[in-house]
């Protein structure tokens, strides 16, 4: 029973770490797309 509870808690932590990582990727993508959309992306 203790092993099952540990497994559930471990999976919860991994899930929320993945969720936080995905949120970071979405924010970075939003910023980069905003730069490209508004023409602030400097290309040579």
PDB file of N, CA and C in Angstrom:
ATOM      1  N   UNK A   1       0.827  -1.201   0.000  1.00  0.00           N
ATOM      2  CA  UNK A   1       0.000   0.000   0.000  1.00  0.00           C
ATOM      3  C   UNK A   1       0.871   1.264   0.000  1.00  0.00           C
ATOM      4  N   UNK A   2       1.946   1.239   0.788  1.00  0.00           N
ATOM      5  CA  UNK A   2       2.842   2.392   0.840  1.00  0.00           C
ATOM      6  C   UNK A   2       3.505   2.658  -0.495  1.00  0.00           C
ATOM      7  N   UNK A   3       3.830   1.577  -1.193  1.00  0.00           N
ATOM      8  CA  UNK A   3       4.462   1.731  -2.509  1.00  0.00           C
ATOM      9  C   UNK A   3       3.489   2.365  -3.506  1.00  0.00           C
ATOM     10  N   UNK A   4       2.228   1.994  -3.431  1.00  0.00           N
ATOM     11  CA  UNK A   4       1.215   2.574  -4.323  1.00  0.00           C
ATOM     12  C   UNK A   4       1.050   4.067  -4.051  1.00  0.00           C
ATOM     13  N   UNK A   5       1.023   4.453  -2.787  1.00  0.00           N
ATOM     14  CA  UNK A   5       0.879   5.876  -2.434  1.00  0.00           C
ATOM     15  C   UNK A   5       2.112   6.646  -2.913  1.00  0.00           C
ATOM     16  N   UNK A   6       3.297   6.071  -2.704  1.00  0.00           N
ATOM     17  CA  UNK A   6       4.517   6.711  -3.186  1.00  0.00           C
ATOM     18  C   UNK A   6       4.468   6.887  -4.702  1.00  0.00           C
ATOM     19  N   UNK A   7       4.021   5.843  -5.417  1.00  0.00           N
ATOM     20  CA  UNK A   7       3.918   5.918  -6.872  1.00  0.00           C
ATOM     21  C   UNK A   7       2.956   7.003  -7.319  1.00  0.00           C
ATOM     22  N   UNK A   8       1.833   7.119  -6.631  1.00  0.00           N
ATOM     23  CA  UNK A   8       0.854   8.151  -6.986  1.00  0.00           C
ATOM     24  C   UNK A   8       1.429   9.544  -6.753  1.00  0.00           C
ATOM     25  N   UNK A   9       2.093   9.726  -5.624  1.00  0.00           N
ATOM     26  CA  UNK A   9       2.693  11.039  -5.330  1.00  0.00           C
ATOM     27  C   UNK A   9       3.792  11.362  -6.342  1.00  0.00           C
ATOM     28  N   UNK A  10       4.588  10.368  -6.685  1.00  0.00           N
ATOM     29  CA  UNK A  10       5.660  10.566  -7.662  1.00  0.00           C
ATOM     30  C   UNK A  10       5.085  10.974  -9.021  1.00  0.00           C
ATOM     31  N   UNK A  11       4.020  10.293  -9.445  1.00  0.00           N
ATOM     32  CA  UNK A  11       3.400  10.628 -10.722  1.00  0.00           C
ATOM     33  C   UNK A  11       2.772  12.022 -10.684  1.00  0.00           C
ATOM     34  N   UNK A  12       2.229  12.419  -9.538  1.00  0.00           N
ATOM     35  CA  UNK A  12       1.687  13.772  -9.414  1.00  0.00           C
ATOM     36  C   UNK A  12       2.788  14.815  -9.605  1.00  0.00           C
ATOM     37  N   UNK A  13       3.931  14.585  -8.969  1.00  0.00           N
ATOM     38  CA  UNK A  13       5.049  15.532  -9.094  1.00  0.00           C
ATOM     39  C   UNK A  13       5.519  15.609 -10.534  1.00  0.00           C
ATOM     40  N   UNK A  14       5.683  14.459 -11.176  1.00  0.00           N
ATOM     41  CA  UNK A  14       6.128  14.437 -12.574  1.00  0.00           C
ATOM     42  C   UNK A  14       5.114  15.143 -13.476  1.00  0.00           C
ATOM     43  N   UNK A  15       3.825  14.926 -13.220  1.00  0.00           N
ATOM     44  CA  UNK A  15       2.769  15.564 -14.012  1.00  0.00           C
ATOM     45  C   UNK A  15       2.859  17.086 -13.908  1.00  0.00           C
ATOM     46  N   UNK A  16       2.985  17.596 -12.674  1.00  0.00           N
ATOM     47  CA  UNK A  16       3.010  19.044 -12.508  1.00  0.00           C
ATOM     48  C   UNK A  16       4.307  19.656 -13.017  1.00  0.00           C
ATOM     49  N   UNK A  17       5.412  18.940 -12.940  1.00  0.00           N
ATOM     50  CA  UNK A  17       6.648  19.434 -13.543  1.00  0.00           C
ATOM     51  C   UNK A  17       6.502  19.529 -15.063  1.00  0.00           C
ATOM     52  N   UNK A  18       5.876  18.536 -15.656  1.00  0.00           N
ATOM     53  CA  UNK A  18       5.627  18.569 -17.098  1.00  0.00           C
ATOM     54  C   UNK A  18       4.698  19.704 -17.486  1.00  0.00           C
ATOM     55  N   UNK A  19       3.681  19.929 -16.663  1.00  0.00           N
ATOM     56  CA  UNK A  19       2.739  21.016 -16.904  1.00  0.00           C
ATOM     57  C   UNK A  19       3.443  22.373 -16.837  1.00  0.00           C
ATOM     58  N   UNK A  20       4.309  22.540 -15.847  1.00  0.00           N
ATOM     59  CA  UNK A  20       5.060  23.792 -15.712  1.00  0.00           C
ATOM     60  C   UNK A  20       6.010  23.979 -16.899  1.00  0.00           C
ATOM     61  N   UNK A  21       6.661  22.902 -17.320  1.00  0.00           N
ATOM     62  CA  UNK A  21       7.549  22.983 -18.478  1.00  0.00           C
ATOM     63  C   UNK A  21       6.802  23.373 -19.742  1.00  0.00           C
ATOM     64  N   UNK A  22       5.623  22.809 -19.918  1.00  0.00           N
ATOM     65  CA  UNK A  22       4.812  23.150 -21.083  1.00  0.00           C
ATOM     66  C   UNK A  22       4.378  24.607 -21.043  1.00  0.00           C
ATOM     67  N   UNK A  23       4.046  25.100 -19.863  1.00  0.00           N
ATOM     68  CA  UNK A  23       3.650  26.508 -19.727  1.00  0.00           C
ATOM     69  C   UNK A  23       4.811  27.422 -20.111  1.00  0.00           C
ATOM     70  N   UNK A  24       6.024  27.061 -19.712  1.00  0.00           N
ATOM     71  CA  UNK A  24       7.196  27.859 -20.070  1.00  0.00           C
ATOM     72  C   UNK A  24       7.378  27.888 -21.589  1.00  0.00           C
ATOM     73  N   UNK A  25       7.216  26.744 -22.227  1.00  0.00           N
ATOM     74  CA  UNK A  25       7.353  26.667 -23.691  1.00  0.00           C
ATOM     75  C   UNK A  25       6.291  27.521 -24.374  1.00  0.00           C
ATOM     76  N   UNK A  26       5.062  27.497 -23.871  1.00  0.00           N
ATOM     77  CA  UNK A  26       3.987  28.299 -24.460  1.00  0.00           C
ATOM     78  C   UNK A  26       4.295  29.789 -24.323  1.00  0.00           C
ATOM     79  N   UNK A  27       4.787  30.208 -23.165  1.00  0.00           N
ATOM     80  CA  UNK A  27       5.118  31.623 -22.957  1.00  0.00           C
ATOM     81  C   UNK A  27       6.244  32.057 -23.888  1.00  0.00           C
ATOM     82  N   UNK A  28       7.284  31.236 -24.004  1.00  0.00           N
ATOM     83  CA  UNK A  28       8.398  31.575 -24.897  1.00  0.00           C
ATOM     84  C   UNK A  28       7.921  31.648 -26.349  1.00  0.00           C
ATOM     85  N   UNK A  29       7.087  30.706 -26.759  1.00  0.00           N
ATOM     86  CA  UNK A  29       6.560  30.716 -28.124  1.00  0.00           C
ATOM     87  C   UNK A  29       5.700  31.954 -28.368  1.00  0.00           C
ATOM     88  N   UNK A  30       4.894  32.319 -27.369  1.00  0.00           N
ATOM     89  CA  UNK A  30       4.045  33.501 -27.494  1.00  0.00           C
ATOM     90  C   UNK A  30       4.889  34.754 -27.679  1.00  0.00           C
ATOM     91  N   UNK A  31       5.956  34.875 -26.911  1.00  0.00           N
ATOM     92  CA  UNK A  31       6.843  36.040 -27.020  1.00  0.00           C
ATOM     93  C   UNK A  31       7.520  36.085 -28.384  1.00  0.00           C
ATOM     94  N   UNK A  32       8.037  34.939 -28.831  1.00  0.00           N
ATOM     95  CA  UNK A  32       8.714  34.903 -30.139  1.00  0.00           C
ATOM     96  C   UNK A  32       7.732  35.203 -31.275  1.00  0.00           C
ATOM     97  N   UNK A  33       6.524  34.655 -31.207  1.00  0.00           N
ATOM     98  CA  UNK A  33       5.525  34.931 -32.249  1.00  0.00           C
ATOM     99  C   UNK A  33       5.116  36.397 -32.231  1.00  0.00           C
ATOM    100  N   UNK A  34       5.026  36.975 -31.037  1.00  0.00           N
ATOM    101  CA  UNK A  34       4.688  38.395 -30.944  1.00  0.00           C
ATOM    102  C   UNK A  34       5.752  39.262 -31.583  1.00  0.00           C
ATOM    103  N   UNK A  35       7.012  38.910 -31.366  1.00  0.00           N
ATOM    104  CA  UNK A  35       8.108  39.661 -31.997  1.00  0.00           C
ATOM    105  C   UNK A  35       8.014  39.571 -33.514  1.00  0.00           C
ATOM    106  N   UNK A  36       7.755  38.356 -33.996  1.00  0.00           N
ATOM    107  CA  UNK A  36       7.673  38.175 -35.451  1.00  0.00           C
ATOM    108  C   UNK A  36       6.456  38.888 -36.032  1.00  0.00           C
ATOM    109  N   UNK A  37       5.342  38.832 -35.320  1.00  0.00           N
ATOM    110  CA  UNK A  37       4.099  39.436 -35.802  1.00  0.00           C
ATOM    111  C   UNK A  37       4.212  40.952 -35.885  1.00  0.00           C
ATOM    112  N   UNK A  38       4.811  41.555 -34.900  1.00  0.00           N
ATOM    113  CA  UNK A  38       4.893  43.014 -34.863  1.00  0.00           C
ATOM    114  C   UNK A  38       6.158  43.554 -35.501  1.00  0.00           C
ATOM    115  N   UNK A  39       6.955  42.697 -36.123  1.00  0.00           N
ATOM    116  CA  UNK A  39       8.092  43.139 -36.906  1.00  0.00           C
ATOM    117  C   UNK A  39       9.276  43.595 -36.077  1.00  0.00           C
ATOM    118  N   UNK A  40       9.369  43.146 -34.826  1.00  0.00           N
ATOM    119  CA  UNK A  40      10.505  43.541 -34.013  1.00  0.00           C
ATOM    120  C   UNK A  40      11.639  42.532 -34.129  1.00  0.00           C
ATOM    121  N   UNK A  41      11.441  41.522 -34.937  1.00  0.00           N
ATOM    122  CA  UNK A  41      12.477  40.506 -35.154  1.00  0.00           C
ATOM    123  C   UNK A  41      13.466  41.032 -36.181  1.00  0.00           C
ATOM    124  N   UNK A  42      14.686  41.256 -35.762  1.00  0.00           N
ATOM    125  CA  UNK A  42      15.683  41.829 -36.662  1.00  0.00           C
ATOM    126  C   UNK A  42      16.376  40.732 -37.448  1.00  0.00           C
ATOM    127  N   UNK A  43      16.166  40.755 -38.776  1.00  0.00           N
ATOM    128  CA  UNK A  43      16.799  39.762 -39.633  1.00  0.00           C
ATOM    129  C   UNK A  43      17.793  40.476 -40.529  1.00  0.00           C
ATOM    130  N   UNK A  44      18.920  39.827 -40.733  1.00  0.00           N
ATOM    131  CA  UNK A  44      19.958  40.437 -41.573  1.00  0.00           C
ATOM    132  C   UNK A  44      19.989  39.798 -42.934  1.00  0.00           C
TER     133      UNK A  44
END
